[in-house]
Amino acid sequence: MEQHEETFGRDAGTLTSRFERAWHVTTHNLGPSLIGRMELGLTAGQLLMLYFVRQQERCTVSQLADKMEVNPSAITVMLDRLEHHQLVSRARDESDRRVVIVSLTERGSEELTRVWELRKRVLQHCLMQLNADELPSFVHTLEQLASISSAMNVLEVAGLEHKDKNPDDESNL
């Protein structure tokens, strides 16, 4: 491990910069930009919303707003468009009429599956351009990075967490 840190330390700036550039271009080209370039008639945000609804089977407008980090009124506007295209349906919760439940329609589920299959085809095309012998190692390394980034305490790593901070002290807000 020390050998790794020593080697990385010498090249840390260069490797981090190269990684950042490559990551930015890759996530741009295979992320939201890909959806726009495929001319599917849906935005990346709409597809993300359909994906979240599918994951939950039924979810509330508030849950969608939290997941997408926007206010509920923005979700309502997006849902209006999706409902107009018969991709989602909304219904009042029977136990609490203030709560709106969002579900995928059959058409919404089919459309999401179609888009995911197209995206998968594009990803497979890109992966097939890589060296076949290096591909399993590349995917394994990416899986490790995903695991590390999911498990880390970003405030601690970034040096933003104060060890002497009292979580009950409102002056820390």
N, C-alpha and C. Protein backbone atom coordinates (compact mmCIF):
# COMPACT_ATOMS: atom_id res chain seq x y z
N MET A 1 0.81 -1.19 0.00
CA MET A 1 0.00 0.00 0.00
C MET A 1 0.86 1.26 0.00
N GLU A 2 1.94 1.27 0.81
CA GLU A 2 2.82 2.43 0.85
C GLU A 2 3.45 2.67 -0.51
N GLN A 3 3.87 1.59 -1.18
CA GLN A 3 4.44 1.71 -2.52
C GLN A 3 3.43 2.38 -3.45
N HIS A 4 2.16 1.96 -3.37
CA HIS A 4 1.11 2.52 -4.20
C HIS A 4 0.94 4.00 -3.90
N GLU A 5 0.88 4.37 -2.62
CA GLU A 5 0.72 5.78 -2.24
C GLU A 5 1.90 6.61 -2.69
N GLU A 6 3.10 6.04 -2.58
CA GLU A 6 4.31 6.76 -3.00
C GLU A 6 4.27 7.03 -4.51
N THR A 7 3.93 6.01 -5.28
CA THR A 7 3.86 6.15 -6.74
C THR A 7 2.74 7.11 -7.11
N PHE A 8 1.58 6.96 -6.50
CA PHE A 8 0.45 7.84 -6.80
C PHE A 8 0.79 9.27 -6.40
N GLY A 9 1.49 9.43 -5.27
CA GLY A 9 1.86 10.77 -4.80
C GLY A 9 2.66 11.54 -5.82
N ARG A 10 3.60 10.88 -6.49
CA ARG A 10 4.41 11.53 -7.52
C ARG A 10 3.57 11.97 -8.71
N ASP A 11 2.62 11.13 -9.08
CA ASP A 11 1.82 11.38 -10.28
C ASP A 11 0.39 11.80 -9.97
N ALA A 12 0.09 12.09 -8.71
CA ALA A 12 -1.29 12.35 -8.29
C ALA A 12 -1.96 13.44 -9.11
N GLY A 13 -1.31 14.55 -9.27
CA GLY A 13 -1.93 15.66 -10.01
C GLY A 13 -2.22 15.30 -11.44
N THR A 14 -1.25 14.70 -12.11
CA THR A 14 -1.41 14.34 -13.51
C THR A 14 -2.47 13.27 -13.68
N LEU A 15 -2.40 12.21 -12.86
CA LEU A 15 -3.39 11.13 -12.96
C LEU A 15 -4.79 11.62 -12.65
N THR A 16 -4.91 12.46 -11.62
CA THR A 16 -6.23 12.99 -11.26
C THR A 16 -6.78 13.85 -12.38
N SER A 17 -5.95 14.70 -12.97
CA SER A 17 -6.40 15.55 -14.08
C SER A 17 -6.82 14.71 -15.29
N ARG A 18 -6.01 13.72 -15.61
CA ARG A 18 -6.35 12.84 -16.74
C ARG A 18 -7.67 12.12 -16.48
N PHE A 19 -7.80 11.61 -15.24
CA PHE A 19 -9.03 10.90 -14.87
C PHE A 19 -10.23 11.85 -14.97
N GLU A 20 -10.09 13.05 -14.42
CA GLU A 20 -11.20 14.02 -14.45
C GLU A 20 -11.64 14.33 -15.89
N ARG A 21 -10.66 14.57 -16.77
CA ARG A 21 -11.00 14.86 -18.17
C ARG A 21 -11.71 13.67 -18.82
N ALA A 22 -11.14 12.50 -18.64
CA ALA A 22 -11.73 11.30 -19.24
C ALA A 22 -13.12 11.02 -18.67
N TRP A 23 -13.26 11.18 -17.35
CA TRP A 23 -14.55 10.94 -16.69
C TRP A 23 -15.60 11.92 -17.21
N HIS A 24 -15.22 13.20 -17.31
CA HIS A 24 -16.15 14.23 -17.78
C HIS A 24 -16.63 13.91 -19.20
N VAL A 25 -15.70 13.62 -20.10
CA VAL A 25 -16.07 13.33 -21.48
C VAL A 25 -16.94 12.08 -21.55
N THR A 26 -16.55 11.04 -20.82
CA THR A 26 -17.30 9.78 -20.85
C THR A 26 -18.71 9.96 -20.30
N THR A 27 -18.84 10.58 -19.12
CA THR A 27 -20.17 10.74 -18.53
C THR A 27 -21.03 11.69 -19.37
N HIS A 28 -20.40 12.66 -20.02
CA HIS A 28 -21.15 13.55 -20.91
C HIS A 28 -21.67 12.78 -22.13
N ASN A 29 -20.77 12.04 -22.77
CA ASN A 29 -21.14 11.34 -24.00
C ASN A 29 -22.05 10.14 -23.78
N LEU A 30 -21.94 9.49 -22.62
CA LEU A 30 -22.75 8.30 -22.37
C LEU A 30 -23.86 8.56 -21.35
N GLY A 31 -23.98 9.78 -20.90
CA GLY A 31 -24.99 10.15 -19.91
C GLY A 31 -26.11 10.95 -20.56
N PRO A 32 -26.45 12.09 -19.96
CA PRO A 32 -27.56 12.90 -20.47
C PRO A 32 -27.43 13.30 -21.94
N SER A 33 -26.22 13.59 -22.39
CA SER A 33 -26.01 13.98 -23.78
C SER A 33 -26.42 12.86 -24.74
N LEU A 34 -26.15 11.62 -24.34
CA LEU A 34 -26.50 10.48 -25.17
C LEU A 34 -28.01 10.44 -25.42
N ILE A 35 -28.78 10.69 -24.38
CA ILE A 35 -30.24 10.66 -24.51
C ILE A 35 -30.69 11.71 -25.54
N GLY A 36 -30.12 12.91 -25.45
CA GLY A 36 -30.47 13.96 -26.40
C GLY A 36 -30.06 13.61 -27.82
N ARG A 37 -28.88 13.03 -27.97
CA ARG A 37 -28.38 12.70 -29.30
C ARG A 37 -29.15 11.55 -29.94
N MET A 38 -29.80 10.72 -29.14
CA MET A 38 -30.57 9.59 -29.70
C MET A 38 -31.94 10.05 -30.20
N GLU A 39 -32.30 11.31 -29.93
CA GLU A 39 -33.56 11.88 -30.43
C GLU A 39 -34.77 10.99 -30.13
N LEU A 40 -34.94 10.70 -28.85
CA LEU A 40 -36.00 9.79 -28.41
C LEU A 40 -37.31 10.49 -28.05
N GLY A 41 -37.28 11.81 -28.00
CA GLY A 41 -38.48 12.54 -27.62
C GLY A 41 -38.64 12.67 -26.11
N LEU A 42 -37.66 12.22 -25.36
CA LEU A 42 -37.68 12.35 -23.90
C LEU A 42 -36.38 13.01 -23.46
N THR A 43 -36.46 13.77 -22.39
CA THR A 43 -35.25 14.37 -21.84
C THR A 43 -34.59 13.39 -20.87
N ALA A 44 -33.33 13.66 -20.55
CA ALA A 44 -32.64 12.83 -19.57
C ALA A 44 -33.37 12.87 -18.23
N GLY A 45 -33.86 14.04 -17.84
CA GLY A 45 -34.60 14.17 -16.58
C GLY A 45 -35.88 13.35 -16.57
N GLN A 46 -36.59 13.34 -17.70
CA GLN A 46 -37.81 12.54 -17.78
C GLN A 46 -37.49 11.05 -17.68
N LEU A 47 -36.42 10.62 -18.34
CA LEU A 47 -36.03 9.21 -18.26
C LEU A 47 -35.60 8.84 -16.85
N LEU A 48 -34.89 9.73 -16.20
CA LEU A 48 -34.48 9.49 -14.83
C LEU A 48 -35.72 9.35 -13.93
N MET A 49 -36.70 10.20 -14.15
CA MET A 49 -37.93 10.11 -13.36
C MET A 49 -38.65 8.79 -13.62
N LEU A 50 -38.75 8.38 -14.87
CA LEU A 50 -39.38 7.09 -15.18
C LEU A 50 -38.62 5.95 -14.50
N TYR A 51 -37.31 6.04 -14.50
CA TYR A 51 -36.47 5.02 -13.86
C TYR A 51 -36.75 4.96 -12.36
N PHE A 52 -36.81 6.12 -11.69
CA PHE A 52 -37.10 6.15 -10.26
C PHE A 52 -38.47 5.57 -9.96
N VAL A 53 -39.46 5.91 -10.78
CA VAL A 53 -40.82 5.39 -10.57
C VAL A 53 -40.82 3.88 -10.72
N ARG A 54 -40.11 3.38 -11.73
CA ARG A 54 -40.04 1.93 -11.93
C ARG A 54 -39.39 1.24 -10.72
N GLN A 55 -38.32 1.82 -10.20
CA GLN A 55 -37.64 1.23 -9.05
C GLN A 55 -38.58 1.09 -7.85
N GLN A 56 -39.40 2.08 -7.63
CA GLN A 56 -40.28 2.10 -6.47
C GLN A 56 -41.62 1.42 -6.73
N GLU A 57 -41.94 1.18 -7.98
CA GLU A 57 -43.23 0.69 -8.44
C GLU A 57 -44.31 1.76 -8.28
N ARG A 58 -44.41 2.31 -7.10
CA ARG A 58 -45.32 3.42 -6.83
C ARG A 58 -44.55 4.39 -5.94
N CYS A 59 -44.55 5.64 -6.29
CA CYS A 59 -43.86 6.58 -5.42
C CYS A 59 -44.65 7.88 -5.36
N THR A 60 -44.34 8.67 -4.37
CA THR A 60 -45.03 9.93 -4.21
C THR A 60 -44.28 11.04 -4.93
N VAL A 61 -44.97 12.13 -5.16
CA VAL A 61 -44.34 13.31 -5.77
C VAL A 61 -43.21 13.79 -4.87
N SER A 62 -43.40 13.75 -3.56
CA SER A 62 -42.36 14.18 -2.62
C SER A 62 -41.13 13.29 -2.72
N GLN A 63 -41.32 11.98 -2.85
CA GLN A 63 -40.18 11.07 -3.00
C GLN A 63 -39.41 11.37 -4.27
N LEU A 64 -40.13 11.64 -5.37
CA LEU A 64 -39.47 11.99 -6.62
C LEU A 64 -38.69 13.29 -6.49
N ALA A 65 -39.29 14.28 -5.84
CA ALA A 65 -38.62 15.56 -5.65
C ALA A 65 -37.34 15.38 -4.84
N ASP A 66 -37.39 14.57 -3.78
CA ASP A 66 -36.19 14.31 -2.98
C ASP A 66 -35.14 13.60 -3.81
N LYS A 67 -35.55 12.58 -4.54
CA LYS A 67 -34.60 11.78 -5.32
C LYS A 67 -33.94 12.62 -6.42
N MET A 68 -34.71 13.49 -7.04
CA MET A 68 -34.18 14.29 -8.15
C MET A 68 -33.64 15.64 -7.69
N GLU A 69 -33.74 15.90 -6.40
CA GLU A 69 -33.21 17.11 -5.79
C GLU A 69 -33.78 18.38 -6.43
N VAL A 70 -35.10 18.40 -6.60
CA VAL A 70 -35.81 19.58 -7.08
C VAL A 70 -37.06 19.76 -6.21
N ASN A 71 -37.73 20.89 -6.37
CA ASN A 71 -38.93 21.08 -5.57
C ASN A 71 -40.13 20.38 -6.21
N PRO A 72 -41.15 20.06 -5.41
CA PRO A 72 -42.30 19.32 -5.93
C PRO A 72 -43.00 19.99 -7.11
N SER A 73 -42.99 21.32 -7.19
CA SER A 73 -43.64 21.98 -8.32
C SER A 73 -42.93 21.65 -9.64
N ALA A 74 -41.61 21.50 -9.61
CA ALA A 74 -40.87 21.11 -10.82
C ALA A 74 -41.24 19.68 -11.23
N ILE A 75 -41.43 18.83 -10.23
CA ILE A 75 -41.83 17.45 -10.51
C ILE A 75 -43.21 17.43 -11.15
N THR A 76 -44.11 18.27 -10.65
CA THR A 76 -45.47 18.33 -11.18
C THR A 76 -45.46 18.70 -12.66
N VAL A 77 -44.62 19.67 -13.04
CA VAL A 77 -44.52 20.07 -14.44
C VAL A 77 -44.02 18.90 -15.29
N MET A 78 -42.99 18.21 -14.82
CA MET A 78 -42.47 17.05 -15.56
C MET A 78 -43.51 15.94 -15.66
N LEU A 79 -44.22 15.71 -14.56
CA LEU A 79 -45.25 14.67 -14.56
C LEU A 79 -46.39 15.01 -15.51
N ASP A 80 -46.73 16.30 -15.61
CA ASP A 80 -47.77 16.71 -16.56
C ASP A 80 -47.42 16.26 -17.97
N ARG A 81 -46.16 16.47 -18.36
CA ARG A 81 -45.71 16.08 -19.71
C ARG A 81 -45.74 14.56 -19.87
N LEU A 82 -45.23 13.85 -18.86
CA LEU A 82 -45.20 12.38 -18.94
C LEU A 82 -46.60 11.80 -18.94
N GLU A 83 -47.49 12.39 -18.17
CA GLU A 83 -48.87 11.91 -18.14
C GLU A 83 -49.56 12.21 -19.48
N HIS A 84 -49.27 13.37 -20.06
CA HIS A 84 -49.84 13.73 -21.37
C HIS A 84 -49.46 12.68 -22.43
N HIS A 85 -48.24 12.15 -22.32
CA HIS A 85 -47.77 11.13 -23.26
C HIS A 85 -48.11 9.71 -22.79
N GLN A 86 -48.91 9.61 -21.74
CA GLN A 86 -49.40 8.34 -21.20
C GLN A 86 -48.28 7.42 -20.73
N LEU A 87 -47.21 8.03 -20.16
CA LEU A 87 -46.09 7.25 -19.65
C LEU A 87 -46.20 7.01 -18.14
N VAL A 88 -46.92 7.88 -17.44
CA VAL A 88 -47.17 7.72 -16.01
C VAL A 88 -48.64 8.01 -15.73
N SER A 89 -49.06 7.55 -14.57
CA SER A 89 -50.39 7.91 -14.09
C SER A 89 -50.25 8.40 -12.66
N ARG A 90 -51.17 9.26 -12.26
CA ARG A 90 -51.17 9.79 -10.90
C ARG A 90 -52.52 9.48 -10.27
N ALA A 91 -52.46 9.19 -8.98
CA ALA A 91 -53.69 8.92 -8.23
C ALA A 91 -53.48 9.39 -6.79
N ARG A 92 -54.56 9.76 -6.16
CA ARG A 92 -54.51 10.16 -4.75
C ARG A 92 -54.38 8.92 -3.87
N ASP A 93 -53.57 9.03 -2.84
CA ASP A 93 -53.43 7.96 -1.86
C ASP A 93 -54.75 7.83 -1.11
N GLU A 94 -55.28 6.62 -1.03
CA GLU A 94 -56.57 6.41 -0.38
C GLU A 94 -56.53 6.71 1.11
N SER A 95 -55.37 6.51 1.75
CA SER A 95 -55.28 6.75 3.19
C SER A 95 -54.95 8.21 3.52
N ASP A 96 -54.43 8.96 2.55
CA ASP A 96 -54.11 10.38 2.76
C ASP A 96 -54.27 11.10 1.43
N ARG A 97 -55.41 11.74 1.25
CA ARG A 97 -55.76 12.36 -0.03
C ARG A 97 -54.80 13.47 -0.45
N ARG A 98 -53.98 13.97 0.48
CA ARG A 98 -53.00 15.01 0.12
C ARG A 98 -51.83 14.44 -0.67
N VAL A 99 -51.62 13.14 -0.56
CA VAL A 99 -50.48 12.48 -1.18
C VAL A 99 -50.85 11.98 -2.58
N VAL A 100 -49.98 12.29 -3.55
CA VAL A 100 -50.19 11.84 -4.92
C VAL A 100 -49.21 10.70 -5.21
N ILE A 101 -49.75 9.58 -5.66
CA ILE A 101 -48.96 8.40 -6.00
C ILE A 101 -48.74 8.38 -7.52
N VAL A 102 -47.49 8.17 -7.91
CA VAL A 102 -47.12 8.12 -9.33
C VAL A 102 -46.76 6.67 -9.68
N SER A 103 -47.28 6.21 -10.80
CA SER A 103 -46.98 4.85 -11.27
C SER A 103 -46.67 4.91 -12.76
N LEU A 104 -45.87 3.97 -13.21
CA LEU A 104 -45.62 3.84 -14.65
C LEU A 104 -46.82 3.18 -15.30
N THR A 105 -47.16 3.65 -16.47
CA THR A 105 -48.18 2.96 -17.26
C THR A 105 -47.47 1.83 -18.02
N GLU A 106 -48.23 1.00 -18.66
CA GLU A 106 -47.62 -0.06 -19.48
C GLU A 106 -46.78 0.57 -20.59
N ARG A 107 -47.31 1.63 -21.18
CA ARG A 107 -46.56 2.33 -22.23
C ARG A 107 -45.27 2.93 -21.67
N GLY A 108 -45.32 3.50 -20.46
CA GLY A 108 -44.13 4.06 -19.83
C GLY A 108 -43.08 3.00 -19.57
N SER A 109 -43.52 1.85 -19.11
CA SER A 109 -42.60 0.75 -18.85
C SER A 109 -41.95 0.27 -20.14
N GLU A 110 -42.74 0.15 -21.19
CA GLU A 110 -42.22 -0.28 -22.49
C GLU A 110 -41.21 0.73 -23.04
N GLU A 111 -41.52 2.01 -22.90
CA GLU A 111 -40.64 3.06 -23.42
C GLU A 111 -39.33 3.08 -22.65
N LEU A 112 -39.40 2.93 -21.34
CA LEU A 112 -38.19 2.91 -20.53
C LEU A 112 -37.32 1.70 -20.89
N THR A 113 -37.93 0.55 -21.08
CA THR A 113 -37.20 -0.65 -21.48
C THR A 113 -36.54 -0.44 -22.84
N ARG A 114 -37.27 0.16 -23.77
CA ARG A 114 -36.73 0.41 -25.11
C ARG A 114 -35.51 1.33 -25.03
N VAL A 115 -35.60 2.39 -24.28
CA VAL A 115 -34.49 3.34 -24.16
C VAL A 115 -33.29 2.68 -23.49
N TRP A 116 -33.54 1.90 -22.44
CA TRP A 116 -32.43 1.23 -21.74
C TRP A 116 -31.74 0.23 -22.66
N GLU A 117 -32.49 -0.44 -23.51
CA GLU A 117 -31.89 -1.38 -24.47
C GLU A 117 -31.05 -0.63 -25.50
N LEU A 118 -31.52 0.50 -25.97
CA LEU A 118 -30.74 1.31 -26.91
C LEU A 118 -29.46 1.80 -26.25
N ARG A 119 -29.57 2.27 -25.02
CA ARG A 119 -28.40 2.76 -24.28
C ARG A 119 -27.40 1.62 -24.07
N LYS A 120 -27.91 0.45 -23.73
CA LYS A 120 -27.05 -0.71 -23.53
C LYS A 120 -26.30 -1.05 -24.82
N ARG A 121 -26.99 -0.95 -25.94
CA ARG A 121 -26.35 -1.23 -27.24
C ARG A 121 -25.20 -0.25 -27.49
N VAL A 122 -25.40 1.02 -27.16
CA VAL A 122 -24.36 2.03 -27.35
C VAL A 122 -23.18 1.75 -26.41
N LEU A 123 -23.47 1.41 -25.15
CA LEU A 123 -22.41 1.10 -24.19
C LEU A 123 -21.61 -0.12 -24.65
N GLN A 124 -22.30 -1.14 -25.12
CA GLN A 124 -21.62 -2.34 -25.61
C GLN A 124 -20.72 -2.01 -26.80
N HIS A 125 -21.20 -1.15 -27.67
CA HIS A 125 -20.38 -0.73 -28.81
C HIS A 125 -19.08 -0.09 -28.32
N CYS A 126 -19.19 0.81 -27.34
CA CYS A 126 -18.00 1.47 -26.81
C CYS A 126 -17.06 0.47 -26.15
N LEU A 127 -17.60 -0.42 -25.34
CA LEU A 127 -16.77 -1.40 -24.65
C LEU A 127 -16.08 -2.35 -25.64
N MET A 128 -16.73 -2.65 -26.74
CA MET A 128 -16.14 -3.56 -27.74
C MET A 128 -14.95 -2.92 -28.44
N GLN A 129 -14.80 -1.60 -28.32
CA GLN A 129 -13.66 -0.93 -28.94
C GLN A 129 -12.40 -1.06 -28.09
N LEU A 130 -12.57 -1.50 -26.84
CA LEU A 130 -11.44 -1.64 -25.92
C LEU A 130 -10.76 -2.99 -26.12
N ASN A 131 -9.55 -3.09 -25.63
CA ASN A 131 -8.78 -4.33 -25.69
C ASN A 131 -9.53 -5.41 -24.90
N ALA A 132 -9.85 -6.51 -25.55
CA ALA A 132 -10.64 -7.59 -24.93
C ALA A 132 -9.95 -8.17 -23.70
N ASP A 133 -8.61 -8.23 -23.71
CA ASP A 133 -7.88 -8.77 -22.56
C ASP A 133 -7.93 -7.83 -21.36
N GLU A 134 -8.03 -6.52 -21.60
CA GLU A 134 -8.03 -5.54 -20.51
C GLU A 134 -9.44 -5.22 -20.01
N LEU A 135 -10.46 -5.58 -20.76
CA LEU A 135 -11.83 -5.22 -20.43
C LEU A 135 -12.30 -5.73 -19.06
N PRO A 136 -12.09 -7.02 -18.72
CA PRO A 136 -12.53 -7.47 -17.39
C PRO A 136 -11.85 -6.69 -16.25
N SER A 137 -10.58 -6.39 -16.41
CA SER A 137 -9.86 -5.62 -15.39
C SER A 137 -10.41 -4.20 -15.30
N PHE A 138 -10.69 -3.60 -16.45
CA PHE A 138 -11.26 -2.25 -16.48
C PHE A 138 -12.61 -2.21 -15.75
N VAL A 139 -13.48 -3.15 -16.07
CA VAL A 139 -14.80 -3.19 -15.43
C VAL A 139 -14.66 -3.45 -13.94
N HIS A 140 -13.76 -4.34 -13.55
CA HIS A 140 -13.52 -4.61 -12.13
C HIS A 140 -13.05 -3.35 -11.41
N THR A 141 -12.13 -2.62 -12.02
CA THR A 141 -11.63 -1.38 -11.42
C THR A 141 -12.74 -0.35 -11.29
N LEU A 142 -13.58 -0.24 -12.29
CA LEU A 142 -14.71 0.69 -12.23
C LEU A 142 -15.69 0.29 -11.13
N GLU A 143 -15.92 -1.00 -10.97
CA GLU A 143 -16.78 -1.49 -9.87
C GLU A 143 -16.17 -1.15 -8.52
N GLN A 144 -14.85 -1.28 -8.41
CA GLN A 144 -14.18 -0.91 -7.15
C GLN A 144 -14.35 0.57 -6.88
N LEU A 145 -14.17 1.40 -7.89
CA LEU A 145 -14.33 2.84 -7.72
C LEU A 145 -15.76 3.18 -7.30
N ALA A 146 -16.73 2.50 -7.88
CA ALA A 146 -18.13 2.72 -7.50
C ALA A 146 -18.35 2.36 -6.04
N SER A 147 -17.78 1.26 -5.60
CA SER A 147 -17.91 0.83 -4.21
C SER A 147 -17.24 1.81 -3.26
N ILE A 148 -16.03 2.24 -3.60
CA ILE A 148 -15.28 3.18 -2.77
C ILE A 148 -16.04 4.50 -2.66
N SER A 149 -16.52 5.00 -3.79
CA SER A 149 -17.21 6.29 -3.77
C SER A 149 -18.54 6.22 -3.03
N SER A 150 -19.18 5.07 -3.05
CA SER A 150 -20.45 4.90 -2.32
C SER A 150 -20.23 4.83 -0.82
N ALA A 151 -19.11 4.24 -0.41
CA ALA A 151 -18.86 4.01 1.02
C ALA A 151 -18.17 5.18 1.72
N MET A 152 -17.56 6.08 0.98
CA MET A 152 -16.75 7.12 1.63
C MET A 152 -17.61 8.19 2.30
N ASN A 153 -17.04 8.78 3.33
CA ASN A 153 -17.63 9.95 3.98
C ASN A 153 -17.02 11.16 3.27
N VAL A 154 -17.77 11.73 2.34
CA VAL A 154 -17.23 12.79 1.49
C VAL A 154 -16.80 14.02 2.29
N LEU A 155 -17.51 14.33 3.37
CA LEU A 155 -17.12 15.48 4.19
C LEU A 155 -15.76 15.25 4.84
N GLU A 156 -15.54 14.04 5.32
CA GLU A 156 -14.26 13.70 5.94
C GLU A 156 -13.12 13.73 4.92
N VAL A 157 -13.36 13.09 3.77
CA VAL A 157 -12.32 13.02 2.74
C VAL A 157 -11.97 14.41 2.23
N ALA A 158 -12.98 15.27 2.08
CA ALA A 158 -12.75 16.62 1.58
C ALA A 158 -12.21 17.56 2.66
N GLY A 159 -12.14 17.06 3.90
CA GLY A 159 -11.64 17.89 4.99
C GLY A 159 -12.65 18.91 5.48
N LEU A 160 -13.94 18.63 5.26
CA LEU A 160 -14.99 19.56 5.66
C LEU A 160 -15.67 19.18 6.96
N GLU A 161 -15.35 17.99 7.47
CA GLU A 161 -15.98 17.52 8.70
C GLU A 161 -15.10 17.93 9.88
N HIS A 162 -15.72 18.55 10.87
CA HIS A 162 -14.98 18.97 12.06
C HIS A 162 -15.22 17.96 13.17
N LYS A 163 -14.15 17.40 13.68
CA LYS A 163 -14.27 16.37 14.72
C LYS A 163 -14.86 16.92 16.01
N ASP A 164 -14.66 18.21 16.29
CA ASP A 164 -15.16 18.79 17.54
C ASP A 164 -16.57 19.36 17.37
N LYS A 165 -17.18 19.16 16.23
CA LYS A 165 -18.49 19.69 15.94
C LYS A 165 -19.55 18.90 16.70
N ASN A 166 -20.42 19.58 17.40
CA ASN A 166 -21.53 18.97 18.13
C ASN A 166 -22.74 18.98 17.21
N PRO A 167 -23.26 17.80 16.82
CA PRO A 167 -24.38 17.76 15.87
C PRO A 167 -25.64 18.41 16.41
N ASP A 168 -25.75 18.58 17.72
CA ASP A 168 -26.94 19.19 18.31
C ASP A 168 -26.82 20.72 18.40
N ASP A 169 -25.63 21.26 18.10
CA ASP A 169 -25.38 22.69 18.22
C ASP A 169 -25.88 23.38 16.94
N GLU A 170 -26.97 24.14 17.05
CA GLU A 170 -27.56 24.80 15.88
C GLU A 170 -26.67 25.89 15.30
N SER A 171 -25.68 26.39 16.04
CA SER A 171 -24.80 27.41 15.51
C SER A 171 -23.89 26.85 14.42
N ASN A 172 -23.82 25.52 14.29
CA ASN A 172 -23.01 24.90 13.25
C ASN A 172 -23.70 24.93 11.90
N LEU A 173 -24.96 25.33 11.86
CA LEU A 173 -25.70 25.31 10.60
C LEU A 173 -25.31 26.44 9.76
